[in-house]
Amino acid sequence: MAAKRKGRQPGVNKSEAIREFLKGKPDAKPKEVVAGLLEKGIEVSPGLVASQKYKKTPGSPSVQGPRGARAKEGWFSVDDVVRVQKLSAELGGIGKLRSIVELLEKISVPF
């Protein structure tokens, strides 16, 4: 027979309890959530609360990938590179494109 895990409360999903508590008090700090759930008889750690409170969802900017945070740091997508390559060919080569970019930097045209 398998040994029972310590600290396990039957029928209680701690993560769900944390999410429900945070729906009512979204600005509560992890320690406040721990105290509030302890009053209801649910023992949770501040680390579990923090992981539920600050968990990133698939639609949040830091999870989006290259078009999110990395794009701001100077990363380019493959689509961006292909579009610039086509533009370069239309203008007559990379040298001409470079000259145009340098001219734009000098006159600082806002986009």
C-alpha atoms as a PDB file:
ATOM      1  CA  MET A   1       0.000   0.000   0.000  1.00  0.00           C
ATOM      2  CA  ALA A   2       1.314   3.437  -0.913  1.00  0.00           C
ATOM      3  CA  ALA A   3       2.175   5.865   1.859  1.00  0.00           C
ATOM      4  CA  LYS A   4       0.004   8.931   2.297  1.00  0.00           C
ATOM      5  CA  ARG A   5       1.598  12.275   1.572  1.00  0.00           C
ATOM      6  CA  LYS A   6       1.928  14.663   4.497  1.00  0.00           C
ATOM      7  CA  GLY A   7       0.154  18.001   4.373  1.00  0.00           C
ATOM      8  CA  ARG A   8      -2.379  16.791   1.832  1.00  0.00           C
ATOM      9  CA  GLN A   9      -5.931  17.841   2.608  1.00  0.00           C
ATOM     10  CA  PRO A  10      -8.472  15.557   0.946  1.00  0.00           C
ATOM     11  CA  GLY A  11     -10.906  17.274  -1.413  1.00  0.00           C
ATOM     12  CA  VAL A  12      -9.096  20.630  -1.330  1.00  0.00           C
ATOM     13  CA  ASN A  13      -7.438  22.036  -4.436  1.00  0.00           C
ATOM     14  CA  LYS A  14      -5.094  24.615  -2.922  1.00  0.00           C
ATOM     15  CA  SER A  15      -4.360  26.379  -6.204  1.00  0.00           C
ATOM     16  CA  GLU A  16      -8.070  26.774  -6.926  1.00  0.00           C
ATOM     17  CA  ALA A  17      -8.643  28.080  -3.384  1.00  0.00           C
ATOM     18  CA  ILE A  18      -5.884  30.661  -3.934  1.00  0.00           C
ATOM     19  CA  ARG A  19      -7.392  31.769  -7.263  1.00  0.00           C
ATOM     20  CA  GLU A  20     -10.848  32.098  -5.690  1.00  0.00           C
ATOM     21  CA  PHE A  21      -9.421  34.157  -2.801  1.00  0.00           C
ATOM     22  CA  LEU A  22      -7.562  36.422  -5.245  1.00  0.00           C
ATOM     23  CA  LYS A  23     -10.758  37.042  -7.237  1.00  0.00           C
ATOM     24  CA  GLY A  24     -12.194  38.735  -4.152  1.00  0.00           C
ATOM     25  CA  LYS A  25      -8.984  40.500  -3.149  1.00  0.00           C
ATOM     26  CA  PRO A  26      -6.693  40.832  -6.186  1.00  0.00           C
ATOM     27  CA  ASP A  27      -4.294  43.244  -4.441  1.00  0.00           C
ATOM     28  CA  ALA A  28      -3.678  40.936  -1.460  1.00  0.00           C
ATOM     29  CA  LYS A  29      -0.042  40.054  -0.816  1.00  0.00           C
ATOM     30  CA  PRO A  30       0.939  36.369  -0.577  1.00  0.00           C
ATOM     31  CA  LYS A  31       1.191  36.482   3.228  1.00  0.00           C
ATOM     32  CA  GLU A  32      -2.297  37.983   3.441  1.00  0.00           C
ATOM     33  CA  VAL A  33      -3.653  35.207   1.225  1.00  0.00           C
ATOM     34  CA  VAL A  34      -1.954  32.558   3.416  1.00  0.00           C
ATOM     35  CA  ALA A  35      -3.550  34.087   6.535  1.00  0.00           C
ATOM     36  CA  GLY A  36      -6.976  34.377   4.887  1.00  0.00           C
ATOM     37  CA  LEU A  37      -6.981  30.770   3.701  1.00  0.00           C
ATOM     38  CA  LEU A  38      -5.688  29.541   7.057  1.00  0.00           C
ATOM     39  CA  GLU A  39      -8.815  31.048   8.633  1.00  0.00           C
ATOM     40  CA  LYS A  40     -10.811  28.793   6.287  1.00  0.00           C
ATOM     41  CA  GLY A  41      -8.718  25.797   7.334  1.00  0.00           C
ATOM     42  CA  ILE A  42      -6.607  25.604   4.156  1.00  0.00           C
ATOM     43  CA  GLU A  43      -2.846  25.561   4.658  1.00  0.00           C
ATOM     44  CA  VAL A  44      -0.825  26.967   1.761  1.00  0.00           C
ATOM     45  CA  SER A  45       2.720  28.273   1.447  1.00  0.00           C
ATOM     46  CA  PRO A  46       3.550  31.841   0.416  1.00  0.00           C
ATOM     47  CA  GLY A  47       5.512  30.393  -2.527  1.00  0.00           C
ATOM     48  CA  LEU A  48       2.450  28.593  -3.889  1.00  0.00           C
ATOM     49  CA  VAL A  49       0.404  31.772  -3.503  1.00  0.00           C
ATOM     50  CA  ALA A  50       3.037  33.828  -5.328  1.00  0.00           C
ATOM     51  CA  SER A  51       3.218  31.299  -8.167  1.00  0.00           C
ATOM     52  CA  GLN A  52      -0.560  31.473  -8.621  1.00  0.00           C
ATOM     53  CA  LYS A  53      -0.791  35.252  -8.217  1.00  0.00           C
ATOM     54  CA  TYR A  54       2.020  36.138 -10.598  1.00  0.00           C
ATOM     55  CA  LYS A  55       1.680  33.255 -13.068  1.00  0.00           C
ATOM     56  CA  LYS A  56       1.933  34.316 -16.688  1.00  0.00           C
ATOM     57  CA  THR A  57      -0.837  33.291 -19.033  1.00  0.00           C
ATOM     58  CA  PRO A  58      -0.328  32.427 -22.709  1.00  0.00           C
ATOM     59  CA  GLY A  59      -1.678  35.823 -23.824  1.00  0.00           C
ATOM     60  CA  SER A  60       0.542  37.930 -21.574  1.00  0.00           C
ATOM     61  CA  PRO A  61       3.368  39.931 -23.217  1.00  0.00           C
ATOM     62  CA  SER A  62       6.253  38.097 -21.559  1.00  0.00           C
ATOM     63  CA  VAL A  63       5.025  34.748 -22.905  1.00  0.00           C
ATOM     64  CA  GLN A  64       4.406  35.860 -26.483  1.00  0.00           C
ATOM     65  CA  GLY A  65       7.978  35.347 -27.644  1.00  0.00           C
ATOM     66  CA  PRO A  66       9.931  37.330 -30.245  1.00  0.00           C
ATOM     67  CA  ARG A  67       7.193  39.884 -30.908  1.00  0.00           C
ATOM     68  CA  GLY A  68       6.997  40.569 -27.162  1.00  0.00           C
ATOM     69  CA  ALA A  69      10.011  41.425 -25.040  1.00  0.00           C
ATOM     70  CA  ARG A  70      12.684  40.226 -27.458  1.00  0.00           C
ATOM     71  CA  ALA A  71      11.469  42.473 -30.276  1.00  0.00           C
ATOM     72  CA  LYS A  72      12.087  45.477 -28.032  1.00  0.00           C
ATOM     73  CA  GLU A  73      15.644  44.295 -27.341  1.00  0.00           C
ATOM     74  CA  GLY A  74      16.696  44.420 -30.994  1.00  0.00           C
ATOM     75  CA  TRP A  75      15.626  40.961 -32.148  1.00  0.00           C
ATOM     76  CA  PHE A  76      14.003  40.654 -35.552  1.00  0.00           C
ATOM     77  CA  SER A  77      11.573  38.089 -36.826  1.00  0.00           C
ATOM     78  CA  VAL A  78      12.235  36.176 -40.020  1.00  0.00           C
ATOM     79  CA  ASP A  79       9.336  38.053 -41.627  1.00  0.00           C
ATOM     80  CA  ASP A  80      11.003  41.394 -40.820  1.00  0.00           C
ATOM     81  CA  VAL A  81      14.276  40.284 -42.413  1.00  0.00           C
ATOM     82  CA  VAL A  82      12.535  39.003 -45.555  1.00  0.00           C
ATOM     83  CA  ARG A  83      10.595  42.281 -45.943  1.00  0.00           C
ATOM     84  CA  VAL A  84      13.786  44.344 -45.629  1.00  0.00           C
ATOM     85  CA  GLN A  85      15.532  42.060 -48.111  1.00  0.00           C
ATOM     86  CA  LYS A  86      12.724  42.613 -50.646  1.00  0.00           C
ATOM     87  CA  LEU A  87      12.803  46.364 -50.032  1.00  0.00           C
ATOM     88  CA  SER A  88      16.573  46.359 -50.516  1.00  0.00           C
ATOM     89  CA  ALA A  89      16.175  44.588 -53.864  1.00  0.00           C
ATOM     90  CA  GLU A  90      13.501  47.093 -54.959  1.00  0.00           C
ATOM     91  CA  LEU A  91      15.748  50.052 -54.081  1.00  0.00           C
ATOM     92  CA  GLY A  92      18.774  48.703 -55.904  1.00  0.00           C
ATOM     93  CA  GLY A  93      20.793  46.937 -53.225  1.00  0.00           C
ATOM     94  CA  ILE A  94      21.866  47.085 -49.631  1.00  0.00           C
ATOM     95  CA  GLY A  95      24.163  50.069 -50.213  1.00  0.00           C
ATOM     96  CA  LYS A  96      21.274  52.243 -51.339  1.00  0.00           C
ATOM     97  CA  LEU A  97      19.106  51.056 -48.441  1.00  0.00           C
ATOM     98  CA  ARG A  98      21.932  51.873 -46.011  1.00  0.00           C
ATOM     99  CA  SER A  99      22.233  55.379 -47.502  1.00  0.00           C
ATOM    100  CA  ILE A 100      18.512  55.972 -47.057  1.00  0.00           C
ATOM    101  CA  VAL A 101      18.637  54.828 -43.427  1.00  0.00           C
ATOM    102  CA  GLU A 102      21.597  57.121 -42.749  1.00  0.00           C
ATOM    103  CA  LEU A 103      19.710  60.034 -44.322  1.00  0.00           C
ATOM    104  CA  LEU A 104      16.678  59.282 -42.129  1.00  0.00           C
ATOM    105  CA  GLU A 105      18.911  59.260 -39.043  1.00  0.00           C
ATOM    106  CA  LYS A 106      20.324  62.675 -39.980  1.00  0.00           C
ATOM    107  CA  ILE A 107      16.977  64.331 -40.553  1.00  0.00           C
ATOM    108  CA  SER A 108      15.345  62.292 -37.748  1.00  0.00           C
ATOM    109  CA  VAL A 109      11.982  61.792 -39.425  1.00  0.00           C
ATOM    110  CA  PRO A 110       9.415  60.566 -36.866  1.00  0.00           C
ATOM    111  CA  PHE A 111       7.340  57.579 -37.909  1.00  0.00           C
END
